[in-house]
Amino acid sequence: MNRRHFLASSLASVLASVSAKEGRPVRLILRSSWQTVNIGDIAHTPGVLALLEKHLPEVSVSLWPSKLDNGVEEMLLKRFPKLTIVRGESLKKAFEENDFLLHGSGPSLVAEKDVIKWHEATGKPYGVYGITFSSTGPTATQASGSGVISKTIQVLSGAKFAFFRDSVSMELAKQKGCTCPIMEFGPDGAFATDLRDDEKALVFLKEHGLEEGKFLCCIPRLRYTPYWTIPSKKAKMDEVKHARNEAMKEHDHAQLRQAIIEVTRQTDMKVLICPEDQTQMKVGKEVLYDLLPEDVKAKAVWRPNYWLTGEALSTYVRSAGLFGNEMHSPIMCIGNGIPAIVCRWAEQTSKGTMWRDIGLNDWLFDLDNESELAGIVPAVLAIAKDPTAAKAKAAKGREVVLRRQHDTMEIVGRM
């Protein structure tokens, strides 16, 4: 028995004895649901919930969210009607009743303070599922020359397992001194998202003449999300980030725009320009749709309003594929067997490199590397011209994800 199996089995024995003594199933609390202005951030939660439901049906799961407004709570409860949501006054009782805390997928150890709060209050174990760890984050650095490991590394080291959604993050954590007994590549939970809102999606597609399998989706994105343009965020404008966005927006969207042009002129495919977050409808109109030639506009559709994850996914699964500057719409596409191209840059941390981890390097483009820009249009055209081959390639990436989901959930199950 290797060390990892011994540790996981030992933990399983402890929790199994607790459950046997009390005559109940193991209780797990999922810390997730970071915000609702981005369908990717929404997707983290139903993805992990779906994995727990599939692989660990005997475990009782509660959700400890940050944000569940804008109709997201109703959407989750429709898919998971037995889900218990804990917040406010119910947290104390949840701490007493649950055996294990699982920190869900995210751009970092988002709820680090809450993980510490859980462990200090209960002494009970915790694990981390599918995060990015970045050296550019405020808690990710190690004190220079002092040998003092960052608080984040301490918290990760105290976890029973830490799954990183990209191998670059995992290696960085190791370099920074993380001593967690089980550290592995664990796909972002959003890969498992299976939310649907077919009714809304079908109405939209019909209204805009988008036929199943006869259109691609394109998602724009600025270097930094301009949260200051979302009223509910009440965020102060960041002049430095705004300047960077303005400086790079043409550079970062020229190839996407050209791909739309070539797809619509060389094939019978249409292109839907759609958002992943609430700021991207405006971006898509300004830097993509408005600058298209008139003949191309006739085969392009700009979505003017934000949508929730269910409607978006119901649309993606009816498309021939997706391309753009975002991460989680491609993740949900591959999770459902739909081809997806990811364009990334340094400001997005290392999360995009997960495409290499699942064997889709040909569909990953670094916009900071000028030599890679020329490959974007041909890659998008290849999907449009041979959807069957593209789907076969997406299926191979999905198989890698499915294997890792099985293996990581097996470890979670030994908690």
Protein backbone atom coordinates (compact mmCIF):
# COMPACT_ATOMS: atom_id res chain seq x y z
CA MET A 1 0.00 0.00 0.00
CA ASN A 2 1.56 3.32 -1.06
CA ARG A 3 1.58 6.40 1.16
CA ARG A 4 -1.27 8.14 -0.67
CA HIS A 5 -3.54 5.10 -0.43
CA PHE A 6 -2.63 4.59 3.22
CA LEU A 7 -3.47 8.19 4.12
CA ALA A 8 -6.73 8.18 2.19
CA SER A 9 -7.74 4.82 3.62
CA SER A 10 -6.90 5.95 7.14
CA LEU A 11 -9.10 9.00 6.76
CA ALA A 12 -11.86 6.86 5.31
CA SER A 13 -11.66 4.57 8.32
CA VAL A 14 -11.99 7.49 10.73
CA LEU A 15 -15.05 8.94 9.01
CA ALA A 16 -16.58 5.53 8.45
CA SER A 17 -16.35 4.82 12.17
CA VAL A 18 -18.00 8.17 12.92
CA SER A 19 -20.84 7.39 10.55
CA ALA A 20 -21.23 3.82 11.80
CA LYS A 21 -21.38 4.97 15.41
CA GLU A 22 -24.03 7.57 14.67
CA GLY A 23 -25.90 5.39 12.19
CA ARG A 24 -25.85 7.92 9.36
CA PRO A 25 -24.06 8.62 6.07
CA VAL A 26 -20.97 10.83 5.88
CA ARG A 27 -21.91 14.51 5.69
CA LEU A 28 -19.95 16.83 3.43
CA ILE A 29 -20.21 20.60 3.13
CA LEU A 30 -19.21 22.11 -0.22
CA ARG A 31 -17.78 25.65 -0.06
CA SER A 32 -18.44 27.15 -3.47
CA SER A 33 -20.63 29.54 -5.53
CA TRP A 34 -18.34 32.56 -5.73
CA GLN A 35 -20.43 34.95 -7.85
CA THR A 36 -23.29 35.02 -10.36
CA VAL A 37 -22.22 37.63 -12.92
CA ASN A 38 -20.22 34.95 -14.76
CA ILE A 39 -21.71 31.67 -15.97
CA GLY A 40 -18.36 29.99 -15.37
CA ASP A 41 -18.30 30.94 -11.72
CA ILE A 42 -21.86 29.66 -11.50
CA ALA A 43 -20.85 26.39 -13.20
CA HIS A 44 -18.25 25.42 -10.58
CA THR A 45 -20.97 24.50 -8.10
CA PRO A 46 -23.38 22.35 -10.15
CA GLY A 47 -20.37 20.63 -11.68
CA VAL A 48 -18.96 19.44 -8.36
CA LEU A 49 -22.47 18.65 -7.08
CA ALA A 50 -23.05 16.48 -10.16
CA LEU A 51 -19.77 14.65 -9.56
CA LEU A 52 -20.66 13.98 -5.92
CA GLU A 53 -24.11 12.81 -6.96
CA LYS A 54 -22.68 10.45 -9.57
CA HIS A 55 -19.67 9.04 -7.74
CA LEU A 56 -20.64 9.35 -4.07
CA PRO A 57 -24.45 9.02 -3.92
CA GLU A 58 -24.29 7.79 -0.33
CA VAL A 59 -22.73 11.03 0.93
CA SER A 60 -25.02 13.75 2.29
CA VAL A 61 -24.02 17.09 0.70
CA SER A 62 -24.71 20.66 1.83
CA LEU A 63 -23.71 23.85 0.01
CA TRP A 64 -22.09 26.84 1.70
CA PRO A 65 -22.28 29.59 -0.96
CA SER A 66 -20.98 33.11 -1.36
CA LYS A 67 -23.55 34.26 -3.93
CA LEU A 68 -26.75 32.66 -5.16
CA ASP A 69 -28.71 35.65 -6.49
CA ASN A 70 -29.93 36.46 -10.03
CA GLY A 71 -31.99 33.26 -10.20
CA VAL A 72 -29.03 30.94 -9.61
CA GLU A 73 -30.38 29.44 -6.37
CA GLU A 74 -33.63 28.47 -8.10
CA MET A 75 -31.68 26.97 -11.00
CA LEU A 76 -29.54 24.86 -8.65
CA LEU A 77 -32.49 23.63 -6.61
CA LYS A 78 -34.35 22.64 -9.76
CA ARG A 79 -31.42 20.39 -10.71
CA PHE A 80 -30.61 19.29 -7.14
CA PRO A 81 -33.95 19.36 -5.27
CA LYS A 82 -32.55 17.63 -2.17
CA LEU A 83 -29.68 20.10 -1.77
CA THR A 84 -29.37 21.82 1.61
CA ILE A 85 -28.03 25.37 1.44
CA VAL A 86 -26.38 26.68 4.60
CA ARG A 87 -25.66 30.32 5.36
CA GLY A 88 -25.88 32.80 8.22
CA GLU A 89 -27.27 31.33 11.42
CA SER A 90 -27.38 27.80 10.00
CA LEU A 91 -23.59 27.71 9.61
CA LYS A 92 -22.92 26.91 13.27
CA LYS A 93 -25.17 23.86 13.11
CA ALA A 94 -23.63 22.86 9.77
CA PHE A 95 -20.16 22.97 11.33
CA GLU A 96 -21.37 20.66 14.09
CA GLU A 97 -23.15 18.19 11.82
CA ASN A 98 -20.81 17.87 8.85
CA ASP A 99 -17.76 15.62 8.82
CA PHE A 100 -15.75 17.11 5.97
CA LEU A 101 -15.39 20.41 4.08
CA LEU A 102 -14.69 20.38 0.36
CA HIS A 103 -13.48 23.64 -1.19
CA GLY A 104 -14.86 23.74 -4.72
CA SER A 105 -13.25 24.79 -7.99
CA GLY A 106 -12.14 28.36 -8.50
CA PRO A 107 -9.42 30.73 -9.67
CA SER A 108 -7.61 30.31 -6.36
CA LEU A 109 -8.22 29.06 -2.84
CA VAL A 110 -11.09 31.55 -2.92
CA ALA A 111 -12.52 30.77 0.52
CA GLU A 112 -9.18 30.36 2.28
CA LYS A 113 -10.40 32.23 5.37
CA ASP A 114 -13.47 30.03 5.61
CA VAL A 115 -11.40 26.87 5.33
CA ILE A 116 -9.29 28.11 8.22
CA LYS A 117 -12.45 29.01 10.14
CA TRP A 118 -13.83 25.50 9.60
CA HIS A 119 -10.67 23.74 10.70
CA GLU A 120 -10.05 25.92 13.74
CA ALA A 121 -13.67 25.68 14.89
CA THR A 122 -14.13 21.95 14.33
CA GLY A 123 -10.75 20.28 13.99
CA LYS A 124 -12.34 18.30 11.17
CA PRO A 125 -10.64 17.55 7.84
CA TYR A 126 -10.96 19.35 4.52
CA GLY A 127 -9.94 18.97 0.89
CA VAL A 128 -9.54 21.17 -2.18
CA TYR A 129 -11.07 20.31 -5.56
CA GLY A 130 -9.86 21.82 -8.83
CA ILE A 131 -8.29 25.23 -8.22
CA THR A 132 -5.60 27.35 -9.83
CA PHE A 133 -2.67 28.39 -7.67
CA SER A 134 -0.84 31.46 -8.96
CA SER A 135 2.35 33.19 -7.88
CA THR A 136 0.78 36.52 -8.84
CA GLY A 137 -1.98 36.30 -6.23
CA PRO A 138 -1.75 38.29 -2.98
CA THR A 139 -1.55 35.16 -0.83
CA ALA A 140 0.50 32.98 -3.14
CA THR A 141 3.98 34.32 -2.48
CA GLN A 142 6.63 33.12 -0.11
CA ALA A 143 8.40 35.64 2.13
CA SER A 144 11.74 36.36 0.53
CA GLY A 145 14.66 34.86 2.41
CA SER A 146 12.64 34.26 5.55
CA GLY A 147 11.64 30.66 4.98
CA VAL A 148 8.09 31.56 6.02
CA ILE A 149 5.61 29.78 3.76
CA SER A 150 2.57 31.75 2.69
CA LYS A 151 -0.71 31.25 4.48
CA THR A 152 -2.21 29.72 1.34
CA ILE A 153 0.52 27.09 1.21
CA GLN A 154 -0.06 26.34 4.88
CA VAL A 155 -3.76 25.83 4.29
CA LEU A 156 -3.15 23.66 1.23
CA SER A 157 -0.60 21.63 3.18
CA GLY A 158 -3.19 20.96 5.86
CA ALA A 159 -5.68 19.54 3.36
CA LYS A 160 -6.21 15.79 3.02
CA PHE A 161 -5.93 16.27 -0.74
CA ALA A 162 -5.46 19.21 -3.11
CA PHE A 163 -6.49 18.86 -6.73
CA PHE A 164 -5.25 21.55 -9.09
CA ARG A 165 -7.12 22.27 -12.32
CA ASP A 166 -3.88 22.77 -14.23
CA SER A 167 -0.51 21.09 -13.80
CA VAL A 168 1.34 24.42 -13.78
CA SER A 169 -0.48 25.33 -10.55
CA MET A 170 0.35 21.98 -8.99
CA GLU A 171 4.05 22.28 -9.76
CA LEU A 172 4.12 25.84 -8.43
CA ALA A 173 2.50 24.73 -5.17
CA LYS A 174 5.14 22.04 -4.80
CA GLN A 175 7.90 24.54 -5.52
CA LYS A 176 6.50 26.86 -2.86
CA GLY A 177 6.71 24.07 -0.30
CA CYS A 178 3.23 22.56 -0.20
CA THR A 179 3.31 19.28 1.71
CA CYS A 180 -0.27 18.10 1.18
CA PRO A 181 -0.12 14.27 1.09
CA ILE A 182 -2.18 14.02 -2.13
CA MET A 183 -1.54 16.60 -4.85
CA GLU A 184 -2.77 15.79 -8.34
CA PHE A 185 -4.28 17.25 -11.49
CA GLY A 186 -8.03 17.43 -10.90
CA PRO A 187 -10.20 18.96 -13.63
CA ASP A 188 -12.25 22.08 -12.94
CA GLY A 189 -15.62 21.04 -11.55
CA ALA A 190 -17.36 22.93 -14.37
CA PHE A 191 -16.50 20.12 -16.78
CA ALA A 192 -19.29 18.10 -15.12
CA THR A 193 -21.96 20.80 -15.32
CA ASP A 194 -25.15 19.40 -16.82
CA LEU A 195 -27.62 22.25 -16.26
CA ARG A 196 -30.10 22.85 -19.06
CA ASP A 197 -32.72 25.41 -20.04
CA ASP A 198 -33.77 24.03 -23.40
CA GLU A 199 -36.94 26.09 -23.59
CA LYS A 200 -35.14 29.45 -23.53
CA ALA A 201 -32.33 28.24 -25.75
CA LEU A 202 -34.63 26.86 -28.43
CA VAL A 203 -36.66 30.07 -28.53
CA PHE A 204 -33.52 32.18 -28.99
CA LEU A 205 -32.07 29.89 -31.66
CA LYS A 206 -35.31 29.86 -33.63
CA GLU A 207 -35.67 33.64 -33.44
CA HIS A 208 -32.21 34.10 -34.92
CA GLY A 209 -32.19 31.32 -37.48
CA LEU A 210 -29.53 29.26 -35.75
CA GLU A 211 -29.91 25.59 -36.68
CA GLU A 212 -28.49 22.75 -34.59
CA GLY A 213 -24.99 21.85 -35.73
CA LYS A 214 -24.92 24.76 -38.20
CA PHE A 215 -23.35 27.49 -36.07
CA LEU A 216 -20.30 28.23 -33.94
CA CYS A 217 -20.20 30.29 -30.75
CA CYS A 218 -17.65 33.06 -30.19
CA ILE A 219 -16.91 34.70 -26.83
CA PRO A 220 -14.98 37.98 -26.47
CA ARG A 221 -13.08 39.00 -23.36
CA LEU A 222 -10.92 41.93 -22.25
CA ARG A 223 -7.65 41.39 -20.41
CA TYR A 224 -9.30 42.32 -17.11
CA THR A 225 -13.00 41.96 -16.40
CA PRO A 226 -14.29 45.56 -16.01
CA TYR A 227 -16.34 44.85 -12.91
CA TRP A 228 -16.74 48.61 -12.45
CA THR A 229 -19.25 48.52 -15.33
CA ILE A 230 -21.56 46.12 -13.45
CA PRO A 231 -23.79 48.19 -11.14
CA SER A 232 -24.33 45.40 -8.60
CA LYS A 233 -20.59 45.11 -8.03
CA LYS A 234 -20.31 48.72 -6.91
CA ALA A 235 -16.66 48.60 -7.91
CA LYS A 236 -14.43 51.62 -8.38
CA MET A 237 -12.94 51.99 -11.84
CA ASP A 238 -9.39 50.68 -12.09
CA GLU A 239 -7.57 53.08 -14.40
CA VAL A 240 -4.55 50.80 -14.85
CA LYS A 241 -6.64 47.78 -15.81
CA HIS A 242 -8.86 49.90 -18.04
CA ALA A 243 -5.81 51.24 -19.88
CA ARG A 244 -4.49 47.70 -20.40
CA ASN A 245 -7.88 46.60 -21.73
CA GLU A 246 -8.00 49.47 -24.19
CA ALA A 247 -4.45 48.88 -25.34
CA MET A 248 -4.99 45.17 -26.04
CA LYS A 249 -8.62 44.81 -27.12
CA GLU A 250 -7.97 45.04 -30.87
CA HIS A 251 -4.92 42.78 -30.62
CA ASP A 252 -6.91 40.20 -28.64
CA HIS A 253 -9.96 40.18 -30.92
CA ALA A 254 -8.62 40.68 -34.45
CA GLN A 255 -8.14 36.96 -35.02
CA LEU A 256 -11.56 36.12 -33.59
CA ARG A 257 -13.15 38.65 -35.93
CA GLN A 258 -11.25 37.24 -38.89
CA ALA A 259 -12.33 33.73 -37.94
CA ILE A 260 -15.96 34.85 -38.01
CA ILE A 261 -15.41 36.32 -41.45
CA GLU A 262 -13.76 33.21 -42.87
CA VAL A 263 -16.23 30.77 -41.34
CA THR A 264 -19.25 32.61 -42.69
CA ARG A 265 -17.72 33.09 -46.13
CA GLN A 266 -16.17 29.66 -46.59
CA THR A 267 -18.85 27.45 -45.00
CA ASP A 268 -22.59 27.36 -44.44
CA MET A 269 -22.04 27.94 -40.72
CA LYS A 270 -23.30 30.98 -38.84
CA VAL A 271 -21.60 32.47 -35.77
CA LEU A 272 -23.23 33.47 -32.48
CA ILE A 273 -21.32 36.15 -30.55
CA CYS A 274 -22.30 35.54 -26.93
CA PRO A 275 -21.12 36.34 -23.38
CA GLU A 276 -19.69 34.43 -20.47
CA ASP A 277 -20.05 37.35 -18.09
CA GLN A 278 -22.20 40.45 -17.80
CA THR A 279 -19.58 42.77 -19.33
CA GLN A 280 -19.08 40.90 -22.58
CA MET A 281 -22.21 41.77 -24.53
CA LYS A 282 -20.89 45.30 -25.01
CA VAL A 283 -17.40 44.05 -25.86
CA GLY A 284 -18.74 41.61 -28.42
CA LYS A 285 -20.70 44.32 -30.20
CA GLU A 286 -17.89 46.89 -30.23
CA VAL A 287 -14.89 44.77 -31.20
CA LEU A 288 -16.54 41.95 -33.12
CA TYR A 289 -20.04 42.44 -34.56
CA ASP A 290 -19.93 46.18 -35.40
CA LEU A 291 -16.65 45.78 -37.29
CA LEU A 292 -17.80 42.89 -39.50
CA PRO A 293 -18.40 43.42 -43.25
CA GLU A 294 -22.09 43.66 -44.14
CA ASP A 295 -22.18 40.30 -45.92
CA VAL A 296 -20.78 38.65 -42.80
CA LYS A 297 -23.21 40.39 -40.46
CA ALA A 298 -26.00 38.61 -42.32
CA LYS A 299 -24.65 35.30 -41.00
CA ALA A 300 -23.58 36.53 -37.56
CA VAL A 301 -25.77 36.93 -34.49
CA TRP A 302 -24.94 39.19 -31.54
CA ARG A 303 -26.59 38.27 -28.26
CA PRO A 304 -27.43 41.53 -26.44
CA ASN A 305 -28.25 40.16 -23.00
CA TYR A 306 -26.64 38.02 -20.30
CA TRP A 307 -27.84 34.49 -19.69
CA LEU A 308 -27.54 31.86 -17.00
CA THR A 309 -25.53 28.66 -17.25
CA GLY A 310 -28.47 26.41 -18.16
CA GLU A 311 -29.51 28.40 -21.22
CA ALA A 312 -25.91 28.89 -22.29
CA LEU A 313 -25.12 25.17 -22.08
CA SER A 314 -28.35 24.25 -23.87
CA THR A 315 -27.09 26.52 -26.67
CA TYR A 316 -23.51 25.25 -26.70
CA VAL A 317 -24.53 21.60 -27.02
CA ARG A 318 -26.51 22.47 -30.16
CA SER A 319 -23.55 24.27 -31.75
CA ALA A 320 -20.75 22.82 -33.86
CA GLY A 321 -18.18 24.30 -31.51
CA LEU A 322 -16.95 27.35 -29.65
CA PHE A 323 -13.94 29.67 -29.81
CA GLY A 324 -12.88 32.80 -27.97
CA ASN A 325 -10.98 34.35 -25.10
CA GLU A 326 -12.81 32.70 -22.21
CA MET A 327 -12.22 29.52 -20.22
CA HIS A 328 -15.37 28.11 -18.68
CA SER A 329 -17.62 28.02 -21.71
CA PRO A 330 -14.94 25.89 -23.44
CA ILE A 331 -14.75 23.76 -20.29
CA MET A 332 -18.50 23.13 -20.33
CA CYS A 333 -18.35 22.40 -24.06
CA ILE A 334 -15.62 19.76 -23.76
CA GLY A 335 -17.43 18.30 -20.76
CA ASN A 336 -20.37 17.74 -23.09
CA GLY A 337 -18.37 16.60 -26.13
CA ILE A 338 -18.47 19.91 -28.03
CA PRO A 339 -15.24 21.22 -29.67
CA ALA A 340 -13.77 24.34 -28.06
CA ILE A 341 -10.80 26.58 -28.73
CA VAL A 342 -9.21 28.59 -25.90
CA CYS A 343 -7.27 31.82 -26.41
CA ARG A 344 -5.44 32.98 -23.29
CA TRP A 345 -2.93 35.48 -21.92
CA ALA A 346 -0.78 36.02 -18.83
CA GLU A 347 -3.42 38.04 -16.97
CA GLN A 348 -5.61 34.91 -16.84
CA THR A 349 -3.03 32.99 -14.76
CA SER A 350 -2.17 29.44 -15.80
CA LYS A 351 -5.71 28.03 -15.96
CA GLY A 352 -5.74 27.82 -19.76
CA THR A 353 -2.86 25.35 -19.70
CA MET A 354 -5.33 22.70 -18.56
CA TRP A 355 -6.03 22.27 -22.29
CA ARG A 356 -2.56 20.72 -22.55
CA ASP A 357 -3.29 18.53 -19.54
CA ILE A 358 -6.29 17.00 -21.31
CA GLY A 359 -4.59 16.62 -24.68
CA LEU A 360 -6.10 19.62 -26.50
CA ASN A 361 -2.94 21.63 -27.05
CA ASP A 362 -3.87 22.18 -30.71
CA TRP A 363 -6.88 24.14 -29.49
CA LEU A 364 -4.92 26.37 -27.11
CA PHE A 365 -3.47 29.69 -28.25
CA ASP A 366 -1.35 32.10 -26.21
CA LEU A 367 -2.14 35.61 -27.42
CA ASP A 368 1.04 36.87 -25.76
CA ASN A 369 3.00 34.71 -28.19
CA GLU A 370 2.77 36.45 -31.56
CA SER A 371 3.85 33.28 -33.39
CA GLU A 372 0.65 31.52 -32.30
CA LEU A 373 -1.82 34.13 -33.58
CA ALA A 374 -1.76 32.90 -37.17
CA GLY A 375 -3.00 29.49 -36.12
CA ILE A 376 -6.32 30.65 -34.67
CA VAL A 377 -8.30 31.19 -37.88
CA PRO A 378 -7.23 27.85 -39.46
CA ALA A 379 -8.12 26.01 -36.24
CA VAL A 380 -11.60 27.54 -36.14
CA LEU A 381 -12.10 26.84 -39.85
CA ALA A 382 -11.10 23.22 -39.35
CA ILE A 383 -13.91 22.77 -36.83
CA ALA A 384 -16.42 24.43 -39.16
CA LYS A 385 -15.34 22.41 -42.20
CA ASP A 386 -15.10 19.02 -40.51
CA PRO A 387 -17.37 18.93 -37.44
CA THR A 388 -17.17 15.14 -37.23
CA ALA A 389 -13.40 15.11 -36.84
CA ALA A 390 -13.59 18.00 -34.39
CA LYS A 391 -16.12 16.16 -32.23
CA ALA A 392 -13.91 13.07 -32.22
CA LYS A 393 -11.04 15.22 -30.97
CA ALA A 394 -13.25 16.79 -28.30
CA ALA A 395 -14.33 13.31 -27.21
CA LYS A 396 -10.71 12.30 -26.59
CA GLY A 397 -10.20 15.32 -24.35
CA ARG A 398 -13.42 14.52 -22.53
CA GLU A 399 -12.24 10.95 -21.90
CA VAL A 400 -9.16 12.29 -20.11
CA VAL A 401 -11.43 14.47 -17.98
CA LEU A 402 -13.79 11.59 -17.19
CA ARG A 403 -10.91 9.38 -16.05
CA ARG A 404 -9.55 12.07 -13.78
CA GLN A 405 -13.03 12.79 -12.40
CA HIS A 406 -13.41 9.11 -11.53
CA ASP A 407 -9.99 8.89 -9.88
CA THR A 408 -10.27 12.14 -7.94
CA MET A 409 -13.77 11.37 -6.72
CA GLU A 410 -12.52 7.99 -5.57
CA ILE A 411 -10.06 9.84 -3.34
CA VAL A 412 -12.76 12.22 -2.11
CA GLY A 413 -14.82 9.14 -1.29
CA ARG A 414 -12.11 7.88 1.05
CA MET A 415 -12.41 10.98 3.18
